[in-house]
C-alpha atoms as a PDB file:
ATOM      1  CA  MET A   1      28.615  69.942  95.901  1.00  0.00           C
ATOM      2  CA  THR A   2      25.252  69.828  94.157  1.00  0.00           C
ATOM      3  CA  LYS A   3      23.072  72.895  93.911  1.00  0.00           C
ATOM      4  CA  THR A   4      19.351  72.289  93.627  1.00  0.00           C
ATOM      5  CA  LYS A   5      17.394  74.616  91.411  1.00  0.00           C
ATOM      6  CA  SER A   6      13.725  74.767  92.327  1.00  0.00           C
ATOM      7  CA  ILE A   7      10.678  76.338  90.741  1.00  0.00           C
ATOM      8  CA  ILE A   8       8.440  77.757  93.455  1.00  0.00           C
ATOM      9  CA  ARG A   9       4.776  77.514  92.566  1.00  0.00           C
ATOM     10  CA  SER A  10       3.080  75.265  95.096  1.00  0.00           C
ATOM     11  CA  LYS A  11       6.098  73.281  96.269  1.00  0.00           C
ATOM     12  CA  GLU A  12       9.851  72.952  95.834  1.00  0.00           C
ATOM     13  CA  MET A  13      11.436  70.222  93.751  1.00  0.00           C
ATOM     14  CA  ARG A  14      14.683  68.435  94.499  1.00  0.00           C
ATOM     15  CA  LEU A  15      17.083  67.190  91.823  1.00  0.00           C
ATOM     16  CA  GLN A  16      16.162  63.591  92.560  1.00  0.00           C
ATOM     17  CA  ASP A  17      12.528  64.436  91.770  1.00  0.00           C
ATOM     18  CA  TYR A  18      13.260  65.217  88.124  1.00  0.00           C
ATOM     19  CA  ASP A  19      12.519  62.625  85.445  1.00  0.00           C
ATOM     20  CA  ILE A  20      15.687  62.054  83.398  1.00  0.00           C
ATOM     21  CA  LYS A  21      14.467  59.177  81.238  1.00  0.00           C
ATOM     22  CA  THR A  22      14.071  61.441  78.219  1.00  0.00           C
ATOM     23  CA  GLN A  23      17.547  62.404  77.030  1.00  0.00           C
ATOM     24  CA  PHE A  24      18.921  64.322  74.065  1.00  0.00           C
ATOM     25  CA  LEU A  25      22.414  64.602  72.636  1.00  0.00           C
ATOM     26  CA  SER A  26      23.566  68.174  72.028  1.00  0.00           C
ATOM     27  CA  THR A  27      26.638  69.523  70.271  1.00  0.00           C
ATOM     28  CA  ALA A  28      28.644  72.499  71.489  1.00  0.00           C
ATOM     29  CA  VAL A  29      28.781  75.273  68.916  1.00  0.00           C
ATOM     30  CA  ALA A  30      30.421  78.154  70.782  1.00  0.00           C
ATOM     31  CA  LYS A  31      31.184  79.644  74.166  1.00  0.00           C
ATOM     32  CA  LEU A  32      31.689  83.270  75.084  1.00  0.00           C
ATOM     33  CA  ARG A  33      32.977  84.703  78.323  1.00  0.00           C
ATOM     34  CA  ILE A  34      30.464  87.379  79.310  1.00  0.00           C
ATOM     35  CA  THR A  35      32.309  88.759  82.324  1.00  0.00           C
ATOM     36  CA  PRO A  36      35.204  91.160  81.632  1.00  0.00           C
ATOM     37  CA  PRO A  37      38.708  89.616  81.629  1.00  0.00           C
ATOM     38  CA  GLU A  38      39.608  91.483  84.835  1.00  0.00           C
ATOM     39  CA  SER A  39      36.628  90.011  86.722  1.00  0.00           C
ATOM     40  CA  PRO A  40      37.468  87.152  89.122  1.00  0.00           C
ATOM     41  CA  GLU A  41      34.170  85.531  88.115  1.00  0.00           C
ATOM     42  CA  ASP A  42      34.291  83.448  84.946  1.00  0.00           C
ATOM     43  CA  VAL A  43      30.781  83.308  83.463  1.00  0.00           C
ATOM     44  CA  ARG A  44      30.249  81.832  80.026  1.00  0.00           C
ATOM     45  CA  GLU A  45      27.416  81.767  77.533  1.00  0.00           C
ATOM     46  CA  ILE A  46      27.349  78.238  76.101  1.00  0.00           C
ATOM     47  CA  VAL A  47      25.694  77.617  72.721  1.00  0.00           C
ATOM     48  CA  LEU A  48      24.346  74.113  72.052  1.00  0.00           C
ATOM     49  CA  ASP A  49      22.642  72.580  69.000  1.00  0.00           C
ATOM     50  CA  ILE A  50      20.143  69.742  69.343  1.00  0.00           C
ATOM     51  CA  HIS A  51      19.145  67.756  66.263  1.00  0.00           C
ATOM     52  CA  ASP A  52      16.276  65.690  67.608  1.00  0.00           C
ATOM     53  CA  ALA A  53      12.666  66.116  66.483  1.00  0.00           C
ATOM     54  CA  GLY A  54      11.490  65.266  69.995  1.00  0.00           C
ATOM     55  CA  PHE A  55      13.289  68.189  71.624  1.00  0.00           C
ATOM     56  CA  ASP A  56      10.915  71.101  72.121  1.00  0.00           C
ATOM     57  CA  VAL A  57      11.951  73.934  74.438  1.00  0.00           C
ATOM     58  CA  ARG A  58      10.689  77.435  75.139  1.00  0.00           C
ATOM     59  CA  ALA A  59      12.121  80.553  76.738  1.00  0.00           C
ATOM     60  CA  GLY A  60      11.628  80.344  80.488  1.00  0.00           C
ATOM     61  CA  GLN A  61      12.250  76.611  80.723  1.00  0.00           C
ATOM     62  CA  ASN A  62      15.242  74.729  82.130  1.00  0.00           C
ATOM     63  CA  VAL A  63      17.290  71.872  80.740  1.00  0.00           C
ATOM     64  CA  GLY A  64      19.261  69.341  82.714  1.00  0.00           C
ATOM     65  CA  VAL A  65      22.925  68.639  81.977  1.00  0.00           C
ATOM     66  CA  LEU A  66      23.590  64.971  82.681  1.00  0.00           C
ATOM     67  CA  LEU A  67      27.137  63.821  83.450  1.00  0.00           C
ATOM     68  CA  PRO A  68      28.559  60.575  84.846  1.00  0.00           C
ATOM     69  CA  GLY A  69      28.347  60.520  88.646  1.00  0.00           C
ATOM     70  CA  HIS A  70      30.931  59.686  91.284  1.00  0.00           C
ATOM     71  CA  GLU A  71      30.888  55.878  91.430  1.00  0.00           C
ATOM     72  CA  GLU A  72      32.702  55.921  94.780  1.00  0.00           C
ATOM     73  CA  PHE A  73      29.704  57.774  96.240  1.00  0.00           C
ATOM     74  CA  GLY A  74      27.168  55.492  94.568  1.00  0.00           C
ATOM     75  CA  GLN A  75      26.115  58.167  92.053  1.00  0.00           C
ATOM     76  CA  ASP A  76      24.967  56.888  88.671  1.00  0.00           C
ATOM     77  CA  HIS A  77      24.811  60.386  87.275  1.00  0.00           C
ATOM     78  CA  HIS A  78      25.339  64.038  88.100  1.00  0.00           C
ATOM     79  CA  LEU A  79      22.441  66.328  87.197  1.00  0.00           C
ATOM     80  CA  ARG A  80      22.562  70.110  87.100  1.00  0.00           C
ATOM     81  CA  LEU A  81      19.783  72.400  85.847  1.00  0.00           C
ATOM     82  CA  TYR A  82      20.346  75.519  83.753  1.00  0.00           C
ATOM     83  CA  SER A  83      17.896  78.130  82.563  1.00  0.00           C
ATOM     84  CA  ILE A  84      17.519  78.857  78.877  1.00  0.00           C
ATOM     85  CA  ALA A  85      19.290  82.210  78.519  1.00  0.00           C
ATOM     86  CA  ASP A  86      17.874  83.223  75.147  1.00  0.00           C
ATOM     87  CA  VAL A  87      14.901  82.602  72.900  1.00  0.00           C
ATOM     88  CA  PRO A  88      15.527  79.197  71.255  1.00  0.00           C
ATOM     89  CA  GLU A  89      16.224  79.436  67.524  1.00  0.00           C
ATOM     90  CA  LYS A  90      16.798  77.241  64.513  1.00  0.00           C
ATOM     91  CA  THR A  91      20.258  75.768  63.965  1.00  0.00           C
ATOM     92  CA  ALA A  92      22.369  76.959  61.051  1.00  0.00           C
ATOM     93  CA  ASP A  93      21.119  74.115  58.862  1.00  0.00           C
ATOM     94  CA  GLY A  94      17.511  74.800  59.859  1.00  0.00           C
ATOM     95  CA  LYS A  95      16.971  71.222  61.035  1.00  0.00           C
ATOM     96  CA  GLY A  96      17.508  71.522  64.786  1.00  0.00           C
ATOM     97  CA  ILE A  97      17.175  73.831  67.786  1.00  0.00           C
ATOM     98  CA  ARG A  98      19.904  76.091  69.173  1.00  0.00           C
ATOM     99  CA  ILE A  99      19.879  77.081  72.840  1.00  0.00           C
ATOM    100  CA  HIS A 100      22.052  79.320  75.019  1.00  0.00           C
ATOM    101  CA  LEU A 101      23.000  78.603  78.645  1.00  0.00           C
ATOM    102  CA  CYS A 102      24.551  81.027  81.134  1.00  0.00           C
ATOM    103  CA  VAL A 103      27.112  79.151  83.258  1.00  0.00           C
ATOM    104  CA  ARG A 104      29.304  80.380  86.111  1.00  0.00           C
ATOM    105  CA  ARG A 105      32.503  78.382  86.612  1.00  0.00           C
ATOM    106  CA  CYS A 106      32.219  77.136  90.202  1.00  0.00           C
ATOM    107  CA  SER A 107      34.446  75.639  92.849  1.00  0.00           C
ATOM    108  CA  TYR A 108      34.033  75.030  96.550  1.00  0.00           C
ATOM    109  CA  ILE A 109      36.178  74.447  99.608  1.00  0.00           C
ATOM    110  CA  ASP A 110      35.617  71.268 101.604  1.00  0.00           C
ATOM    111  CA  GLU A 111      34.760  72.398 105.136  1.00  0.00           C
ATOM    112  CA  TYR A 112      36.703  69.519 106.702  1.00  0.00           C
ATOM    113  CA  SER A 113      39.823  69.127 104.564  1.00  0.00           C
ATOM    114  CA  GLY A 114      40.083  72.683 103.268  1.00  0.00           C
ATOM    115  CA  GLU A 115      40.678  71.247  99.811  1.00  0.00           C
ATOM    116  CA  GLU A 116      39.263  73.071  96.792  1.00  0.00           C
ATOM    117  CA  PHE A 117      37.077  71.125  94.366  1.00  0.00           C
ATOM    118  CA  ARG A 118      35.948  72.234  90.929  1.00  0.00           C
ATOM    119  CA  GLY A 119      32.211  72.140  90.260  1.00  0.00           C
ATOM    120  CA  LEU A 120      31.637  69.155  87.993  1.00  0.00           C
ATOM    121  CA  ALA A 121      28.940  70.428  85.615  1.00  0.00           C
ATOM    122  CA  SER A 122      29.953  74.090  85.473  1.00  0.00           C
ATOM    123  CA  ASN A 123      33.586  73.384  84.655  1.00  0.00           C
ATOM    124  CA  TYR A 124      32.625  70.693  82.169  1.00  0.00           C
ATOM    125  CA  LEU A 125      30.450  73.182  80.296  1.00  0.00           C
ATOM    126  CA  CYS A 126      32.913  76.066  80.529  1.00  0.00           C
ATOM    127  CA  ASP A 127      35.677  73.838  79.133  1.00  0.00           C
ATOM    128  CA  LEU A 128      33.641  72.601  76.138  1.00  0.00           C
ATOM    129  CA  GLN A 129      35.129  72.915  72.687  1.00  0.00           C
ATOM    130  CA  PRO A 130      33.133  73.187  69.428  1.00  0.00           C
ATOM    131  CA  GLY A 131      32.019  69.729  68.404  1.00  0.00           C
ATOM    132  CA  ASP A 132      31.948  68.300  71.937  1.00  0.00           C
ATOM    133  CA  HIS A 133      28.759  66.514  72.976  1.00  0.00           C
ATOM    134  CA  VAL A 134      26.589  67.074  76.043  1.00  0.00           C
ATOM    135  CA  THR A 135      23.686  64.899  77.199  1.00  0.00           C
ATOM    136  CA  LEU A 136      20.608  66.942  78.104  1.00  0.00           C
ATOM    137  CA  THR A 137      17.375  66.028  79.846  1.00  0.00           C
ATOM    138  CA  GLY A 138      14.072  67.858  80.058  1.00  0.00           C
ATOM    139  CA  PRO A 139      13.100  70.476  79.280  1.00  0.00           C
ATOM    140  CA  TYR A 140      11.513  71.319  82.625  1.00  0.00           C
ATOM    141  CA  GLY A 141       9.130  74.097  83.491  1.00  0.00           C
ATOM    142  CA  PRO A 142       8.070  76.520  82.245  1.00  0.00           C
ATOM    143  CA  ALA A 143       9.434  78.520  85.143  1.00  0.00           C
ATOM    144  CA  PHE A 144       8.633  82.006  83.915  1.00  0.00           C
ATOM    145  CA  GLU A 145       5.743  82.681  81.568  1.00  0.00           C
ATOM    146  CA  LEU A 146       4.612  86.075  80.371  1.00  0.00           C
ATOM    147  CA  PRO A 147       1.183  87.033  81.717  1.00  0.00           C
ATOM    148  CA  ALA A 148      -1.707  86.647  79.287  1.00  0.00           C
ATOM    149  CA  ASP A 149      -2.399  90.354  79.776  1.00  0.00           C
ATOM    150  CA  SER A 150       0.293  92.174  77.756  1.00  0.00           C
ATOM    151  CA  ASP A 151      -0.333  95.331  79.819  1.00  0.00           C
ATOM    152  CA  ALA A 152       0.509  93.655  83.140  1.00  0.00           C
ATOM    153  CA  THR A 153       3.334  95.057  85.265  1.00  0.00           C
ATOM    154  CA  LEU A 154       6.445  92.881  85.651  1.00  0.00           C
ATOM    155  CA  ILE A 155       8.867  93.112  88.579  1.00  0.00           C
ATOM    156  CA  LEU A 156      11.916  90.979  87.771  1.00  0.00           C
ATOM    157  CA  ILE A 157      14.469  90.402  90.527  1.00  0.00           C
ATOM    158  CA  GLY A 158      17.631  88.434  89.839  1.00  0.00           C
ATOM    159  CA  ALA A 159      21.159  87.970  91.118  1.00  0.00           C
ATOM    160  CA  GLY A 160      24.185  86.388  89.463  1.00  0.00           C
ATOM    161  CA  THR A 161      23.271  83.916  86.726  1.00  0.00           C
ATOM    162  CA  GLY A 162      19.662  84.367  87.845  1.00  0.00           C
ATOM    163  CA  ILE A 163      19.555  87.059  85.160  1.00  0.00           C
ATOM    164  CA  ALA A 164      19.532  84.377  82.427  1.00  0.00           C
ATOM    165  CA  PRO A 165      15.795  83.548  82.384  1.00  0.00           C
ATOM    166  CA  PHE A 166      14.948  87.272  82.379  1.00  0.00           C
ATOM    167  CA  ARG A 167      17.121  87.826  79.314  1.00  0.00           C
ATOM    168  CA  ALA A 168      15.136  85.157  77.456  1.00  0.00           C
ATOM    169  CA  MET A 169      11.833  86.357  78.868  1.00  0.00           C
ATOM    170  CA  LEU A 170      12.352  89.979  77.809  1.00  0.00           C
ATOM    171  CA  LYS A 171      13.563  89.036  74.343  1.00  0.00           C
ATOM    172  CA  GLN A 172      10.416  87.003  73.895  1.00  0.00           C
ATOM    173  CA  ALA A 173       8.268  89.828  75.249  1.00  0.00           C
ATOM    174  CA  TYR A 174       9.644  92.523  72.988  1.00  0.00           C
ATOM    175  CA  GLN A 175       9.962  90.343  69.877  1.00  0.00           C
ATOM    176  CA  SER A 176       6.348  89.177  70.077  1.00  0.00           C
ATOM    177  CA  GLU A 177       3.610  90.658  67.901  1.00  0.00           C
ATOM    178  CA  PRO A 178       2.408  92.947  69.267  1.00  0.00           C
ATOM    179  CA  ALA A 179       5.338  93.712  71.563  1.00  0.00           C
ATOM    180  CA  TYR A 180       4.759  93.645  75.322  1.00  0.00           C
ATOM    181  CA  GLN A 181       3.192  96.907  76.501  1.00  0.00           C
ATOM    182  CA  GLY A 182       3.301  96.529  80.282  1.00  0.00           C
ATOM    183  CA  ARG A 183       5.664  98.261  82.644  1.00  0.00           C
ATOM    184  CA  VAL A 184       8.852  96.324  83.463  1.00  0.00           C
ATOM    185  CA  TRP A 185      11.207  96.889  86.396  1.00  0.00           C
ATOM    186  CA  LEU A 186      14.330  94.727  86.276  1.00  0.00           C
ATOM    187  CA  PHE A 187      16.262  94.654  89.563  1.00  0.00           C
ATOM    188  CA  TYR A 188      19.641  93.011  89.191  1.00  0.00           C
ATOM    189  CA  GLY A 189      22.049  92.309  92.039  1.00  0.00           C
ATOM    190  CA  ALA A 190      25.779  91.581  91.906  1.00  0.00           C
ATOM    191  CA  ARG A 191      28.845  91.982  94.104  1.00  0.00           C
ATOM    192  CA  THR A 192      30.578  94.355  91.679  1.00  0.00           C
ATOM    193  CA  GLY A 193      29.935  96.069  88.362  1.00  0.00           C
ATOM    194  CA  LEU A 194      32.163  93.469  86.702  1.00  0.00           C
ATOM    195  CA  GLU A 195      29.582  90.824  87.538  1.00  0.00           C
ATOM    196  CA  MET A 196      26.598  92.568  85.957  1.00  0.00           C
ATOM    197  CA  LEU A 197      25.892  89.864  83.390  1.00  0.00           C
ATOM    198  CA  TYR A 198      24.444  91.099  80.081  1.00  0.00           C
ATOM    199  CA  MET A 199      24.848  94.630  81.480  1.00  0.00           C
ATOM    200  CA  ASN A 200      28.591  95.244  81.012  1.00  0.00           C
ATOM    201  CA  ASP A 201      31.075  96.348  78.354  1.00  0.00           C
ATOM    202  CA  VAL A 202      31.537  92.795  77.066  1.00  0.00           C
ATOM    203  CA  LYS A 203      27.844  92.046  76.546  1.00  0.00           C
ATOM    204  CA  ASN A 204      25.022  94.498  77.195  1.00  0.00           C
ATOM    205  CA  ASP A 205      21.905  92.884  75.784  1.00  0.00           C
ATOM    206  CA  PHE A 206      19.558  94.925  77.962  1.00  0.00           C
ATOM    207  CA  ALA A 207      20.748  98.174  76.349  1.00  0.00           C
ATOM    208  CA  GLN A 208      18.336  97.559  73.476  1.00  0.00           C
ATOM    209  CA  TYR A 209      15.423  98.179  75.867  1.00  0.00           C
ATOM    210  CA  TYR A 210      16.748 101.287  77.603  1.00  0.00           C
ATOM    211  CA  ASP A 211      14.895 103.642  75.264  1.00  0.00           C
ATOM    212  CA  LYS A 212      11.533 102.090  76.106  1.00  0.00           C
ATOM    213  CA  GLU A 213       9.531 104.297  78.457  1.00  0.00           C
ATOM    214  CA  THR A 214       8.025 101.232  80.121  1.00  0.00           C
ATOM    215  CA  PHE A 215      11.366  99.518  80.890  1.00  0.00           C
ATOM    216  CA  GLU A 216      13.850 100.291  83.645  1.00  0.00           C
ATOM    217  CA  ALA A 217      16.938  98.301  84.686  1.00  0.00           C
ATOM    218  CA  ILE A 218      18.038  98.991  88.263  1.00  0.00           C
ATOM    219  CA  SER A 219      21.325  97.630  89.600  1.00  0.00           C
ATOM    220  CA  ALA A 220      22.078  96.722  93.200  1.00  0.00           C
ATOM    221  CA  MET A 221      25.618  95.948  94.304  1.00  0.00           C
ATOM    222  CA  SER A 222      27.309  94.952  97.521  1.00  0.00           C
ATOM    223  CA  GLN A 223      28.524  97.851  99.628  1.00  0.00           C
ATOM    224  CA  ARG A 224      31.589  95.778 100.572  1.00  0.00           C
ATOM    225  CA  PRO A 225      32.339  93.715  97.441  1.00  0.00           C
ATOM    226  CA  HIS A 226      35.706  92.500  98.697  1.00  0.00           C
ATOM    227  CA  TRP A 227      34.422  91.607 102.137  1.00  0.00           C
ATOM    228  CA  SER A 228      30.906  90.331 101.706  1.00  0.00           C
ATOM    229  CA  SER A 229      28.722  89.092  98.894  1.00  0.00           C
ATOM    230  CA  VAL A 230      25.552  90.499 100.472  1.00  0.00           C
ATOM    231  CA  ILE A 231      23.781  92.601  97.859  1.00  0.00           C
ATOM    232  CA  ASP A 232      22.568  96.035  98.878  1.00  0.00           C
ATOM    233  CA  TRP A 233      18.894  95.613  97.977  1.00  0.00           C
ATOM    234  CA  ASN A 234      17.941  98.154 100.635  1.00  0.00           C
ATOM    235  CA  SER A 235      19.262 101.164  98.734  1.00  0.00           C
ATOM    236  CA  VAL A 236      17.492 100.457  95.455  1.00  0.00           C
ATOM    237  CA  PHE A 237      14.226  99.419  97.091  1.00  0.00           C
ATOM    238  CA  HIS A 238      14.188 102.227  99.658  1.00  0.00           C
ATOM    239  CA  SER A 239      14.400 104.964  97.025  1.00  0.00           C
ATOM    240  CA  ARG A 240      11.354 103.468  95.299  1.00  0.00           C
ATOM    241  CA  SER A 241       9.557 102.018  98.314  1.00  0.00           C
ATOM    242  CA  GLU A 242       6.269 103.901  97.996  1.00  0.00           C
ATOM    243  CA  GLU A 243       5.818 103.180  94.296  1.00  0.00           C
ATOM    244  CA  LEU A 244       7.067  99.620  94.688  1.00  0.00           C
ATOM    245  CA  TRP A 245       4.557  98.831  97.429  1.00  0.00           C
ATOM    246  CA  SER A 246       1.784 100.332  95.314  1.00  0.00           C
ATOM    247  CA  MET A 247       2.818  98.050  92.464  1.00  0.00           C
ATOM    248  CA  LEU A 248       2.828  95.011  94.762  1.00  0.00           C
ATOM    249  CA  LEU A 249      -0.756  95.812  95.754  1.00  0.00           C
ATOM    250  CA  ASP A 250      -1.840  96.142  92.118  1.00  0.00           C
ATOM    251  CA  PRO A 251      -3.694  93.014  90.892  1.00  0.00           C
ATOM    252  CA  LYS A 252      -1.986  93.398  87.494  1.00  0.00           C
ATOM    253  CA  THR A 253       1.544  93.042  88.930  1.00  0.00           C
ATOM    254  CA  HIS A 254       3.556  89.826  88.490  1.00  0.00           C
ATOM    255  CA  VAL A 255       6.827  89.247  90.375  1.00  0.00           C
ATOM    256  CA  TYR A 256       9.570  86.858  89.257  1.00  0.00           C
ATOM    257  CA  VAL A 257      12.634  86.071  91.394  1.00  0.00           C
ATOM    258  CA  ALA A 258      15.750  84.136  90.327  1.00  0.00           C
ATOM    259  CA  GLY A 259      19.071  83.429  92.034  1.00  0.00           C
ATOM    260  CA  LEU A 260      20.564  81.629  95.021  1.00  0.00           C
ATOM    261  CA  GLU A 261      18.188  80.485  97.735  1.00  0.00           C
ATOM    262  CA  LYS A 262      19.478  83.146 100.122  1.00  0.00           C
ATOM    263  CA  ILE A 263      17.845  85.822  97.969  1.00  0.00           C
ATOM    264  CA  ARG A 264      14.471  84.728  99.349  1.00  0.00           C
ATOM    265  CA  ASP A 265      15.319  85.759 102.924  1.00  0.00           C
ATOM    266  CA  GLU A 266      17.043  88.945 101.743  1.00  0.00           C
ATOM    267  CA  LEU A 267      13.978  90.037  99.789  1.00  0.00           C
ATOM    268  CA  ASP A 268      11.544  89.083 102.555  1.00  0.00           C
ATOM    269  CA  ALA A 269      13.471  91.318 104.955  1.00  0.00           C
ATOM    270  CA  GLU A 270      13.441  94.255 102.526  1.00  0.00           C
ATOM    271  CA  PHE A 271       9.793  93.933 101.537  1.00  0.00           C
ATOM    272  CA  ALA A 272       8.817  93.683 105.203  1.00  0.00           C
ATOM    273  CA  LYS A 273      10.370  97.133 105.659  1.00  0.00           C
ATOM    274  CA  ILE A 274       8.513  98.479 102.637  1.00  0.00           C
ATOM    275  CA  GLY A 275       5.212  96.964 103.751  1.00  0.00           C
ATOM    276  CA  GLY A 276       5.558  98.132 107.345  1.00  0.00           C
ATOM    277  CA  SER A 277       5.923  94.762 109.086  1.00  0.00           C
ATOM    278  CA  ALA A 278       6.920  91.150 108.504  1.00  0.00           C
ATOM    279  CA  GLU A 279       3.338  90.048 109.109  1.00  0.00           C
ATOM    280  CA  LYS A 280       1.923  92.457 106.548  1.00  0.00           C
ATOM    281  CA  TRP A 281       4.455  91.380 103.947  1.00  0.00           C
ATOM    282  CA  ALA A 282       3.924  87.674 104.641  1.00  0.00           C
ATOM    283  CA  GLU A 283       0.198  88.134 104.068  1.00  0.00           C
ATOM    284  CA  ARG A 284       0.716  90.031 100.818  1.00  0.00           C
ATOM    285  CA  LYS A 285       3.306  87.569  99.514  1.00  0.00           C
ATOM    286  CA  ALA A 286       0.976  84.662 100.266  1.00  0.00           C
ATOM    287  CA  GLU A 287      -1.743  86.383  98.239  1.00  0.00           C
ATOM    288  CA  LEU A 288       0.638  86.915  95.323  1.00  0.00           C
ATOM    289  CA  MET A 289       1.770  83.281  95.400  1.00  0.00           C
ATOM    290  CA  ALA A 290      -1.795  81.995  95.668  1.00  0.00           C
ATOM    291  CA  SER A 291      -2.719  83.897  92.513  1.00  0.00           C
ATOM    292  CA  GLN A 292       0.434  82.664  90.717  1.00  0.00           C
ATOM    293  CA  ARG A 293       1.821  86.208  90.570  1.00  0.00           C
ATOM    294  CA  TRP A 294       4.941  85.559  92.672  1.00  0.00           C
ATOM    295  CA  ILE A 295       7.203  82.951  91.054  1.00  0.00           C
ATOM    296  CA  GLU A 296      10.664  81.968  92.321  1.00  0.00           C
ATOM    297  CA  LEU A 297      13.398  80.069  90.495  1.00  0.00           C
ATOM    298  CA  LEU A 298      16.020  79.337  93.160  1.00  0.00           C
ATOM    299  CA  TYR A 299      19.098  77.120  93.379  1.00  0.00           C
END
């Protein structure tokens, strides 16, 4: 099963639309499980070094992982896109670039045979050992760029590994000179507290921003985590509906959304409630997209 990650600006892109002629060889340096051991979800942070002068990547971009395809299905290659999960840095020897990827180990059940299959790219990355090589393509994007106005309001909405680009984005924002001054609301959805990536006991990167008056991290979890994966966006949005709608009407507000494609319909339904009707929300969302202030990174 291939998941297509798309950057929504004026149109969606499919995996076959991406140019993979430019390729780079990377070397695995480390991997860290960032979900607690008791969590059924195995999510890893993969660290890769690239020693190639032509490789230039920024926070907010994506890279493609290129693996051999299934010859029996006529596939020359298998491409999967991953967001840069941290601000790129120099390698230990100072001669290359080090990047971090956030990868969930995936599998799926064939709807006809009932047989379980391991996701090709995700399991390949999660099983890497230091010194192993990975072929990369890209980078692609940028998907998420900070507004030119450092006082602009940011509404960041992510679910699952969709949190990865926001981790990189916020690090870049608060490490810049001068540091970002605008208000930031980070809404993060998961099925359980064990799946709150970068916001759990194993790795809580966002804790370094909690003392900032302009930053707030707001979690949304499924009301029935063992029965349904539907995230309870309604509760977190409803309690802030009046202020949230005011922010959405503000010309200085930028909204970024990342996660599975289904998050688009979930958010449209919730924002329609906040705005008073589906028609009113559709009109406002169209205005935000037209002014490049509503950006989606979906897969």
